[in-house]
């Protein structure tokens, strides 16, 4: 199983980025998807989740109203649209695919928001 995350980079506060994570090696539609992030010196934080098969989403309070998670089962890809970015959003972002029995992680993509 491989998860390839992309889309990170440097952006000014108030800007937007779109992260993508493409999954191979499993039946994508059978798994829930999530995005985590970890800022330097801090614990990891679950920020967004999208469930299967309903597509129901959940967000942490820190990103609710600014970030949006979506999935494309045909392309085996999950996206995280991040708007109105703040300096405190600076972190490494990781995609996660999981079920009751399995749990897989991508390599992370760095997002840096300058003030």
C-alpha atoms as a PDB file:
ATOM      1  CA  UNK A   1       0.000   0.000   0.000  1.00  0.00           C
ATOM      2  CA  UNK A   2       1.303   3.443  -0.893  1.00  0.00           C
ATOM      3  CA  UNK A   3      -0.023   6.890  -0.057  1.00  0.00           C
ATOM      4  CA  UNK A   4       1.497   9.792  -1.980  1.00  0.00           C
ATOM      5  CA  UNK A   5       0.731  13.230  -0.585  1.00  0.00           C
ATOM      6  CA  UNK A   6       1.312  16.441  -2.504  1.00  0.00           C
ATOM      7  CA  UNK A   7       0.345  20.088  -2.586  1.00  0.00           C
ATOM      8  CA  UNK A   8       2.201  21.476   0.389  1.00  0.00           C
ATOM      9  CA  UNK A   9       4.271  24.622   0.203  1.00  0.00           C
ATOM     10  CA  UNK A  10       4.744  28.161   1.423  1.00  0.00           C
ATOM     11  CA  UNK A  11       1.766  30.512   1.462  1.00  0.00           C
ATOM     12  CA  UNK A  12       0.966  33.847   3.032  1.00  0.00           C
ATOM     13  CA  UNK A  13      -1.624  34.131   5.760  1.00  0.00           C
ATOM     14  CA  UNK A  14      -5.083  34.324   4.262  1.00  0.00           C
ATOM     15  CA  UNK A  15      -4.083  32.250   1.273  1.00  0.00           C
ATOM     16  CA  UNK A  16      -5.178  28.806   0.156  1.00  0.00           C
ATOM     17  CA  UNK A  17      -3.622  25.448  -0.614  1.00  0.00           C
ATOM     18  CA  UNK A  18      -5.048  22.155  -1.790  1.00  0.00           C
ATOM     19  CA  UNK A  19      -3.463  18.955  -0.557  1.00  0.00           C
ATOM     20  CA  UNK A  20      -3.951  15.678  -2.374  1.00  0.00           C
ATOM     21  CA  UNK A  21      -3.209  12.102  -1.380  1.00  0.00           C
ATOM     22  CA  UNK A  22      -3.324   9.333  -3.944  1.00  0.00           C
ATOM     23  CA  UNK A  23      -3.581   5.770  -2.690  1.00  0.00           C
ATOM     24  CA  UNK A  24      -2.561   2.564  -4.388  1.00  0.00           C
ATOM     25  CA  UNK A  25      -2.527  -1.064  -3.371  1.00  0.00           C
ATOM     26  CA  UNK A  26      -5.950  -1.319  -1.766  1.00  0.00           C
ATOM     27  CA  UNK A  27      -9.642  -1.011  -2.573  1.00  0.00           C
ATOM     28  CA  UNK A  28      -9.897   2.699  -1.867  1.00  0.00           C
ATOM     29  CA  UNK A  29     -13.676   2.909  -1.572  1.00  0.00           C
ATOM     30  CA  UNK A  30     -13.638   0.457   1.346  1.00  0.00           C
ATOM     31  CA  UNK A  31     -11.628   2.753   3.594  1.00  0.00           C
ATOM     32  CA  UNK A  32     -12.201   5.883   5.596  1.00  0.00           C
ATOM     33  CA  UNK A  33      -9.791   8.739   4.933  1.00  0.00           C
ATOM     34  CA  UNK A  34      -8.360  11.377   7.228  1.00  0.00           C
ATOM     35  CA  UNK A  35      -5.818  14.173   7.417  1.00  0.00           C
ATOM     36  CA  UNK A  36      -3.609  14.736  10.439  1.00  0.00           C
ATOM     37  CA  UNK A  37      -1.031  17.386  11.067  1.00  0.00           C
ATOM     38  CA  UNK A  38       1.888  17.820  13.392  1.00  0.00           C
ATOM     39  CA  UNK A  39       3.457  21.159  14.157  1.00  0.00           C
ATOM     40  CA  UNK A  40       7.033  21.377  15.471  1.00  0.00           C
ATOM     41  CA  UNK A  41       7.169  20.433  19.123  1.00  0.00           C
ATOM     42  CA  UNK A  42       3.504  19.552  19.291  1.00  0.00           C
ATOM     43  CA  UNK A  43       1.437  16.393  19.260  1.00  0.00           C
ATOM     44  CA  UNK A  44      -0.299  15.215  16.128  1.00  0.00           C
ATOM     45  CA  UNK A  45      -3.818  16.473  15.530  1.00  0.00           C
ATOM     46  CA  UNK A  46      -6.651  14.852  13.613  1.00  0.00           C
ATOM     47  CA  UNK A  47      -8.098  17.692  11.572  1.00  0.00           C
ATOM     48  CA  UNK A  48     -10.447  16.138   9.016  1.00  0.00           C
ATOM     49  CA  UNK A  49     -12.085  12.813   8.264  1.00  0.00           C
ATOM     50  CA  UNK A  50     -14.342  11.508   5.530  1.00  0.00           C
ATOM     51  CA  UNK A  51     -16.147   8.232   6.046  1.00  0.00           C
ATOM     52  CA  UNK A  52     -17.235   5.549   3.665  1.00  0.00           C
ATOM     53  CA  UNK A  53     -19.684   4.843   2.216  1.00  0.00           C
ATOM     54  CA  UNK A  54     -21.661   7.859   3.379  1.00  0.00           C
ATOM     55  CA  UNK A  55     -19.062  10.510   2.665  1.00  0.00           C
ATOM     56  CA  UNK A  56     -19.849  12.098   6.031  1.00  0.00           C
ATOM     57  CA  UNK A  57     -17.163  14.508   7.187  1.00  0.00           C
ATOM     58  CA  UNK A  58     -15.833  15.722  10.517  1.00  0.00           C
ATOM     59  CA  UNK A  59     -13.432  18.524  11.327  1.00  0.00           C
ATOM     60  CA  UNK A  60     -11.467  19.705  14.309  1.00  0.00           C
ATOM     61  CA  UNK A  61     -12.537  22.999  15.786  1.00  0.00           C
ATOM     62  CA  UNK A  62      -9.220  24.498  14.710  1.00  0.00           C
ATOM     63  CA  UNK A  63     -10.020  24.115  10.987  1.00  0.00           C
ATOM     64  CA  UNK A  64     -13.808  23.963  10.857  1.00  0.00           C
ATOM     65  CA  UNK A  65     -15.193  26.445   8.357  1.00  0.00           C
ATOM     66  CA  UNK A  66     -11.822  26.903   6.636  1.00  0.00           C
ATOM     67  CA  UNK A  67     -10.820  23.406   5.492  1.00  0.00           C
ATOM     68  CA  UNK A  68     -12.766  20.929   3.407  1.00  0.00           C
ATOM     69  CA  UNK A  69     -12.029  17.242   2.866  1.00  0.00           C
ATOM     70  CA  UNK A  70     -13.259  15.370  -0.178  1.00  0.00           C
ATOM     71  CA  UNK A  71     -12.584  12.077  -1.891  1.00  0.00           C
ATOM     72  CA  UNK A  72     -12.599  10.822  -5.459  1.00  0.00           C
ATOM     73  CA  UNK A  73     -13.040   7.068  -5.361  1.00  0.00           C
ATOM     74  CA  UNK A  74     -12.466   6.714  -9.092  1.00  0.00           C
ATOM     75  CA  UNK A  75      -9.055   8.389  -8.817  1.00  0.00           C
ATOM     76  CA  UNK A  76      -8.314   6.889  -5.384  1.00  0.00           C
ATOM     77  CA  UNK A  77      -7.517  10.344  -4.107  1.00  0.00           C
ATOM     78  CA  UNK A  78      -8.455  12.380  -1.070  1.00  0.00           C
ATOM     79  CA  UNK A  79      -8.158  16.156  -1.069  1.00  0.00           C
ATOM     80  CA  UNK A  80      -7.898  18.766   1.650  1.00  0.00           C
ATOM     81  CA  UNK A  81      -8.855  22.260   0.517  1.00  0.00           C
ATOM     82  CA  UNK A  82      -7.386  24.760   2.964  1.00  0.00           C
ATOM     83  CA  UNK A  83      -8.627  28.336   2.860  1.00  0.00           C
ATOM     84  CA  UNK A  84      -7.904  31.390   4.979  1.00  0.00           C
ATOM     85  CA  UNK A  85      -4.682  29.827   6.185  1.00  0.00           C
ATOM     86  CA  UNK A  86      -3.138  31.082   9.405  1.00  0.00           C
ATOM     87  CA  UNK A  87       0.449  30.914  10.687  1.00  0.00           C
ATOM     88  CA  UNK A  88      -0.713  28.378  13.275  1.00  0.00           C
ATOM     89  CA  UNK A  89      -1.633  26.023  10.426  1.00  0.00           C
ATOM     90  CA  UNK A  90       2.088  25.535   9.775  1.00  0.00           C
ATOM     91  CA  UNK A  91       2.763  21.813  10.147  1.00  0.00           C
ATOM     92  CA  UNK A  92       3.517  18.602   8.329  1.00  0.00           C
ATOM     93  CA  UNK A  93       0.254  17.208   6.989  1.00  0.00           C
ATOM     94  CA  UNK A  94      -0.281  13.464   6.759  1.00  0.00           C
ATOM     95  CA  UNK A  95      -2.987  11.520   5.001  1.00  0.00           C
ATOM     96  CA  UNK A  96      -4.325   8.387   6.627  1.00  0.00           C
ATOM     97  CA  UNK A  97      -6.437   5.576   5.236  1.00  0.00           C
ATOM     98  CA  UNK A  98      -8.018   3.204   7.687  1.00  0.00           C
ATOM     99  CA  UNK A  99     -10.613   0.571   8.382  1.00  0.00           C
ATOM    100  CA  UNK A 100     -11.416  -1.526  11.426  1.00  0.00           C
ATOM    101  CA  UNK A 101      -8.497  -3.804  10.601  1.00  0.00           C
ATOM    102  CA  UNK A 102      -5.962  -1.684   8.742  1.00  0.00           C
ATOM    103  CA  UNK A 103      -4.263   1.669   9.115  1.00  0.00           C
ATOM    104  CA  UNK A 104      -1.905   3.232   6.565  1.00  0.00           C
ATOM    105  CA  UNK A 105      -0.044   6.548   6.476  1.00  0.00           C
ATOM    106  CA  UNK A 106       1.479   8.783   3.839  1.00  0.00           C
ATOM    107  CA  UNK A 107       4.892  10.388   4.094  1.00  0.00           C
ATOM    108  CA  UNK A 108       3.662  13.879   4.936  1.00  0.00           C
ATOM    109  CA  UNK A 109       3.756  17.191   3.122  1.00  0.00           C
ATOM    110  CA  UNK A 110       4.957  20.427   4.695  1.00  0.00           C
ATOM    111  CA  UNK A 111       2.697  23.463   4.832  1.00  0.00           C
ATOM    112  CA  UNK A 112       4.246  26.757   5.922  1.00  0.00           C
ATOM    113  CA  UNK A 113       2.087  29.831   6.431  1.00  0.00           C
ATOM    114  CA  UNK A 114       3.890  33.136   6.746  1.00  0.00           C
ATOM    115  CA  UNK A 115       2.433  36.099   8.599  1.00  0.00           C
END
